[in-house]
């Protein structure tokens, strides 16, 4: 399925449904935190033969809602990737279905080189080609101890002609 087929499928798919994405083995729901926050870990939008996964900003948080790897940028990034991977797996998706990431770094000047090294190694290990579109942004994150947060968009095409976007 090429881009024009994908757009046609989206345009012809009415109505669509949405469901929350979760993986409680890795991340609990933010509204269960000691200081609750109201958002879904992600949403799955189903448009007929196409599903779009919108993964919320994800960071180095454990299954109890605690920040982990305080002060260790690389370890926080690896946990962030593991959390996103688990959310994708909960929906039958992989990093190969990711089309875009937005990457928020607390200190982009200090941490971008390490970020790019870790991201490159992670993507190479997965054999991603083409790479997802991506934006790197310096931002103040929701917890002062967090150094990186990533949100992602994945597209899954269902059916016999789905191509590489098949989950």
C-alpha atoms as a PDB file:
ATOM      1  CA  UNK A   1       0.000   0.000   0.000  1.00  0.00           C
ATOM      2  CA  UNK A   2       1.599   3.307  -1.060  1.00  0.00           C
ATOM      3  CA  UNK A   3       0.911   6.753   0.413  1.00  0.00           C
ATOM      4  CA  UNK A   4      -1.933   7.554  -1.982  1.00  0.00           C
ATOM      5  CA  UNK A   5      -3.627   4.214  -1.180  1.00  0.00           C
ATOM      6  CA  UNK A   6      -3.209   4.954   2.522  1.00  0.00           C
ATOM      7  CA  UNK A   7      -4.768   8.406   2.175  1.00  0.00           C
ATOM      8  CA  UNK A   8      -7.622   6.978   0.127  1.00  0.00           C
ATOM      9  CA  UNK A   9      -8.247   4.304   2.756  1.00  0.00           C
ATOM     10  CA  UNK A  10      -8.304   6.950   5.493  1.00  0.00           C
ATOM     11  CA  UNK A  11     -10.618   9.196   3.487  1.00  0.00           C
ATOM     12  CA  UNK A  12     -13.074   6.362   2.814  1.00  0.00           C
ATOM     13  CA  UNK A  13     -13.086   4.970   6.348  1.00  0.00           C
ATOM     14  CA  UNK A  14     -16.094   6.268   8.247  1.00  0.00           C
ATOM     15  CA  UNK A  15     -16.736   6.204  11.123  1.00  0.00           C
ATOM     16  CA  UNK A  16     -13.568   5.639  13.100  1.00  0.00           C
ATOM     17  CA  UNK A  17     -13.130   4.245  16.588  1.00  0.00           C
ATOM     18  CA  UNK A  18     -10.642   5.045  19.324  1.00  0.00           C
ATOM     19  CA  UNK A  19      -9.393   3.001  22.249  1.00  0.00           C
ATOM     20  CA  UNK A  20      -6.811   3.629  24.934  1.00  0.00           C
ATOM     21  CA  UNK A  21      -3.382   2.004  24.668  1.00  0.00           C
ATOM     22  CA  UNK A  22      -1.920   0.595  27.863  1.00  0.00           C
ATOM     23  CA  UNK A  23       0.620  -1.944  29.111  1.00  0.00           C
ATOM     24  CA  UNK A  24       0.341  -2.211  32.891  1.00  0.00           C
ATOM     25  CA  UNK A  25       3.314  -4.580  33.069  1.00  0.00           C
ATOM     26  CA  UNK A  26       5.582  -1.651  32.217  1.00  0.00           C
ATOM     27  CA  UNK A  27       3.638   1.551  32.905  1.00  0.00           C
ATOM     28  CA  UNK A  28       0.654   2.201  35.101  1.00  0.00           C
ATOM     29  CA  UNK A  29      -1.971   4.743  34.166  1.00  0.00           C
ATOM     30  CA  UNK A  30      -1.078   8.346  34.984  1.00  0.00           C
ATOM     31  CA  UNK A  31      -4.390   8.926  36.761  1.00  0.00           C
ATOM     32  CA  UNK A  32      -3.237   6.336  39.355  1.00  0.00           C
ATOM     33  CA  UNK A  33      -0.126   8.351  40.254  1.00  0.00           C
ATOM     34  CA  UNK A  34       0.362   9.777  43.722  1.00  0.00           C
ATOM     35  CA  UNK A  35      -0.072  13.139  41.941  1.00  0.00           C
ATOM     36  CA  UNK A  36      -2.631  12.101  39.290  1.00  0.00           C
ATOM     37  CA  UNK A  37      -2.427  13.289  35.701  1.00  0.00           C
ATOM     38  CA  UNK A  38      -5.298  12.903  33.262  1.00  0.00           C
ATOM     39  CA  UNK A  39      -4.151  11.421  29.951  1.00  0.00           C
ATOM     40  CA  UNK A  40      -4.031   8.095  28.138  1.00  0.00           C
ATOM     41  CA  UNK A  41      -0.666   6.419  27.518  1.00  0.00           C
ATOM     42  CA  UNK A  42      -1.779   6.457  23.921  1.00  0.00           C
ATOM     43  CA  UNK A  43      -4.758   6.145  21.629  1.00  0.00           C
ATOM     44  CA  UNK A  44      -5.484   3.698  18.842  1.00  0.00           C
ATOM     45  CA  UNK A  45      -7.547   5.235  16.057  1.00  0.00           C
ATOM     46  CA  UNK A  46      -9.091   2.670  13.715  1.00  0.00           C
ATOM     47  CA  UNK A  47      -9.991   3.806  10.195  1.00  0.00           C
ATOM     48  CA  UNK A  48     -11.154   0.604   8.531  1.00  0.00           C
ATOM     49  CA  UNK A  49      -8.025  -1.059   7.133  1.00  0.00           C
ATOM     50  CA  UNK A  50      -5.724   1.487   8.787  1.00  0.00           C
ATOM     51  CA  UNK A  51      -4.937   2.039  12.464  1.00  0.00           C
ATOM     52  CA  UNK A  52      -2.996   5.000  13.810  1.00  0.00           C
ATOM     53  CA  UNK A  53      -1.301   4.744  17.206  1.00  0.00           C
ATOM     54  CA  UNK A  54      -0.684   8.005  19.025  1.00  0.00           C
ATOM     55  CA  UNK A  55       1.790   7.326  21.850  1.00  0.00           C
ATOM     56  CA  UNK A  56       1.752  10.052  24.500  1.00  0.00           C
ATOM     57  CA  UNK A  57       4.939  11.587  25.796  1.00  0.00           C
ATOM     58  CA  UNK A  58       6.755   8.669  27.429  1.00  0.00           C
ATOM     59  CA  UNK A  59       9.735   8.820  29.756  1.00  0.00           C
ATOM     60  CA  UNK A  60      11.797   6.777  32.199  1.00  0.00           C
ATOM     61  CA  UNK A  61       8.879   5.759  34.418  1.00  0.00           C
ATOM     62  CA  UNK A  62       8.455   2.313  35.977  1.00  0.00           C
ATOM     63  CA  UNK A  63       5.341   0.215  36.513  1.00  0.00           C
ATOM     64  CA  UNK A  64       4.654   1.936  39.837  1.00  0.00           C
ATOM     65  CA  UNK A  65       4.762   5.424  38.313  1.00  0.00           C
ATOM     66  CA  UNK A  66       8.174   6.290  39.735  1.00  0.00           C
ATOM     67  CA  UNK A  67      10.887   8.083  37.777  1.00  0.00           C
ATOM     68  CA  UNK A  68      13.912   5.818  37.408  1.00  0.00           C
ATOM     69  CA  UNK A  69      17.564   6.218  36.401  1.00  0.00           C
ATOM     70  CA  UNK A  70      17.737   9.684  37.962  1.00  0.00           C
ATOM     71  CA  UNK A  71      20.699  11.643  36.562  1.00  0.00           C
ATOM     72  CA  UNK A  72      21.604   9.012  33.923  1.00  0.00           C
ATOM     73  CA  UNK A  73      20.519  10.343  30.522  1.00  0.00           C
ATOM     74  CA  UNK A  74      21.406   7.203  28.550  1.00  0.00           C
ATOM     75  CA  UNK A  75      19.627   4.873  30.985  1.00  0.00           C
ATOM     76  CA  UNK A  76      16.561   7.139  30.951  1.00  0.00           C
ATOM     77  CA  UNK A  77      16.519   7.075  27.145  1.00  0.00           C
ATOM     78  CA  UNK A  78      16.829   3.281  27.047  1.00  0.00           C
ATOM     79  CA  UNK A  79      13.933   2.925  29.535  1.00  0.00           C
ATOM     80  CA  UNK A  80      11.888   5.371  27.451  1.00  0.00           C
ATOM     81  CA  UNK A  81      12.481   3.225  24.353  1.00  0.00           C
ATOM     82  CA  UNK A  82      11.537   0.094  26.337  1.00  0.00           C
ATOM     83  CA  UNK A  83       8.310   1.734  27.522  1.00  0.00           C
ATOM     84  CA  UNK A  84       7.355   2.790  23.992  1.00  0.00           C
ATOM     85  CA  UNK A  85       8.221  -0.687  22.699  1.00  0.00           C
ATOM     86  CA  UNK A  86       5.908  -2.251  25.301  1.00  0.00           C
ATOM     87  CA  UNK A  87       3.057   0.107  24.379  1.00  0.00           C
ATOM     88  CA  UNK A  88       3.518  -0.762  20.689  1.00  0.00           C
ATOM     89  CA  UNK A  89       3.601  -4.492  21.472  1.00  0.00           C
ATOM     90  CA  UNK A  90       0.336  -4.173  23.408  1.00  0.00           C
ATOM     91  CA  UNK A  91      -1.246  -3.148  20.093  1.00  0.00           C
ATOM     92  CA  UNK A  92       0.544  -5.704  17.915  1.00  0.00           C
ATOM     93  CA  UNK A  93       2.875  -3.038  16.513  1.00  0.00           C
ATOM     94  CA  UNK A  94       6.641  -2.529  16.395  1.00  0.00           C
ATOM     95  CA  UNK A  95       9.093   0.295  15.813  1.00  0.00           C
ATOM     96  CA  UNK A  96       8.834  -0.570  12.114  1.00  0.00           C
ATOM     97  CA  UNK A  97       5.332   0.949  12.147  1.00  0.00           C
ATOM     98  CA  UNK A  98       6.535   4.240  13.700  1.00  0.00           C
ATOM     99  CA  UNK A  99       6.354   7.102  11.204  1.00  0.00           C
ATOM    100  CA  UNK A 100       7.185  10.034  13.500  1.00  0.00           C
ATOM    101  CA  UNK A 101       8.722  10.838  16.868  1.00  0.00           C
ATOM    102  CA  UNK A 102       8.924  14.063  18.819  1.00  0.00           C
ATOM    103  CA  UNK A 103      11.853  13.975  21.242  1.00  0.00           C
ATOM    104  CA  UNK A 104      11.976  16.383  24.178  1.00  0.00           C
ATOM    105  CA  UNK A 105      15.315  16.867  25.920  1.00  0.00           C
ATOM    106  CA  UNK A 106      15.667  18.908  29.114  1.00  0.00           C
ATOM    107  CA  UNK A 107      19.124  20.132  28.026  1.00  0.00           C
ATOM    108  CA  UNK A 108      19.617  19.656  24.299  1.00  0.00           C
ATOM    109  CA  UNK A 109      23.098  21.206  24.242  1.00  0.00           C
ATOM    110  CA  UNK A 110      24.402  18.866  26.949  1.00  0.00           C
ATOM    111  CA  UNK A 111      22.541  15.685  25.949  1.00  0.00           C
ATOM    112  CA  UNK A 112      21.984  15.731  22.174  1.00  0.00           C
ATOM    113  CA  UNK A 113      25.208  13.907  21.275  1.00  0.00           C
ATOM    114  CA  UNK A 114      24.386  11.072  23.717  1.00  0.00           C
ATOM    115  CA  UNK A 115      20.776  11.087  22.501  1.00  0.00           C
ATOM    116  CA  UNK A 116      21.795  10.760  18.875  1.00  0.00           C
ATOM    117  CA  UNK A 117      24.325   7.994  19.635  1.00  0.00           C
ATOM    118  CA  UNK A 118      21.767   5.957  21.603  1.00  0.00           C
ATOM    119  CA  UNK A 119      18.980   6.570  19.064  1.00  0.00           C
ATOM    120  CA  UNK A 120      21.243   5.607  16.144  1.00  0.00           C
ATOM    121  CA  UNK A 121      22.347   2.396  17.884  1.00  0.00           C
ATOM    122  CA  UNK A 122      18.736   1.521  18.835  1.00  0.00           C
ATOM    123  CA  UNK A 123      17.413   2.119  15.312  1.00  0.00           C
ATOM    124  CA  UNK A 124      20.348   0.200  13.746  1.00  0.00           C
ATOM    125  CA  UNK A 125      19.751  -2.724  16.104  1.00  0.00           C
ATOM    126  CA  UNK A 126      16.127  -2.819  14.916  1.00  0.00           C
ATOM    127  CA  UNK A 127      17.120  -2.438  11.259  1.00  0.00           C
ATOM    128  CA  UNK A 128      14.820   0.549  10.708  1.00  0.00           C
ATOM    129  CA  UNK A 129      14.881   1.760   7.111  1.00  0.00           C
ATOM    130  CA  UNK A 130      13.579   4.268   6.423  1.00  0.00           C
ATOM    131  CA  UNK A 131      14.012   5.997   9.749  1.00  0.00           C
ATOM    132  CA  UNK A 132      11.015   7.721  11.346  1.00  0.00           C
ATOM    133  CA  UNK A 133      10.573  11.438  10.794  1.00  0.00           C
ATOM    134  CA  UNK A 134      11.649  13.160  13.996  1.00  0.00           C
ATOM    135  CA  UNK A 135      11.964  16.474  15.777  1.00  0.00           C
ATOM    136  CA  UNK A 136      14.278  17.243  18.705  1.00  0.00           C
ATOM    137  CA  UNK A 137      13.079  19.923  21.098  1.00  0.00           C
ATOM    138  CA  UNK A 138      14.495  21.389  24.302  1.00  0.00           C
ATOM    139  CA  UNK A 139      11.747  21.493  26.904  1.00  0.00           C
ATOM    140  CA  UNK A 140      11.007  21.644  30.589  1.00  0.00           C
ATOM    141  CA  UNK A 141       9.502  18.226  31.279  1.00  0.00           C
ATOM    142  CA  UNK A 142       6.683  17.337  33.670  1.00  0.00           C
ATOM    143  CA  UNK A 143       9.075  16.117  36.398  1.00  0.00           C
ATOM    144  CA  UNK A 144      12.344  17.891  37.188  1.00  0.00           C
ATOM    145  CA  UNK A 145      14.342  14.636  37.332  1.00  0.00           C
ATOM    146  CA  UNK A 146      13.336  13.543  33.814  1.00  0.00           C
ATOM    147  CA  UNK A 147      15.906  14.284  31.114  1.00  0.00           C
ATOM    148  CA  UNK A 148      14.085  12.949  28.018  1.00  0.00           C
ATOM    149  CA  UNK A 149      10.522  12.281  26.882  1.00  0.00           C
ATOM    150  CA  UNK A 150       9.376  10.921  23.520  1.00  0.00           C
ATOM    151  CA  UNK A 151       6.015  10.778  21.791  1.00  0.00           C
ATOM    152  CA  UNK A 152       5.408   8.680  18.701  1.00  0.00           C
ATOM    153  CA  UNK A 153       2.965   8.040  15.884  1.00  0.00           C
ATOM    154  CA  UNK A 154       2.637   4.612  14.274  1.00  0.00           C
ATOM    155  CA  UNK A 155       0.535   3.571  11.279  1.00  0.00           C
ATOM    156  CA  UNK A 156      -0.666  -0.004  10.840  1.00  0.00           C
ATOM    157  CA  UNK A 157      -2.233  -1.192   7.591  1.00  0.00           C
ATOM    158  CA  UNK A 158      -4.334  -4.362   7.839  1.00  0.00           C
ATOM    159  CA  UNK A 159      -5.071  -6.807   5.066  1.00  0.00           C
ATOM    160  CA  UNK A 160      -3.287  -8.702   2.303  1.00  0.00           C
ATOM    161  CA  UNK A 161      -1.871  -5.621   0.521  1.00  0.00           C
ATOM    162  CA  UNK A 162      -0.699  -3.875   3.669  1.00  0.00           C
ATOM    163  CA  UNK A 163       3.042  -3.841   2.916  1.00  0.00           C
ATOM    164  CA  UNK A 164       5.687  -2.794   5.454  1.00  0.00           C
ATOM    165  CA  UNK A 165       3.187  -1.048   7.732  1.00  0.00           C
ATOM    166  CA  UNK A 166       1.669  -4.350   8.745  1.00  0.00           C
ATOM    167  CA  UNK A 167       1.703  -5.199  12.409  1.00  0.00           C
END
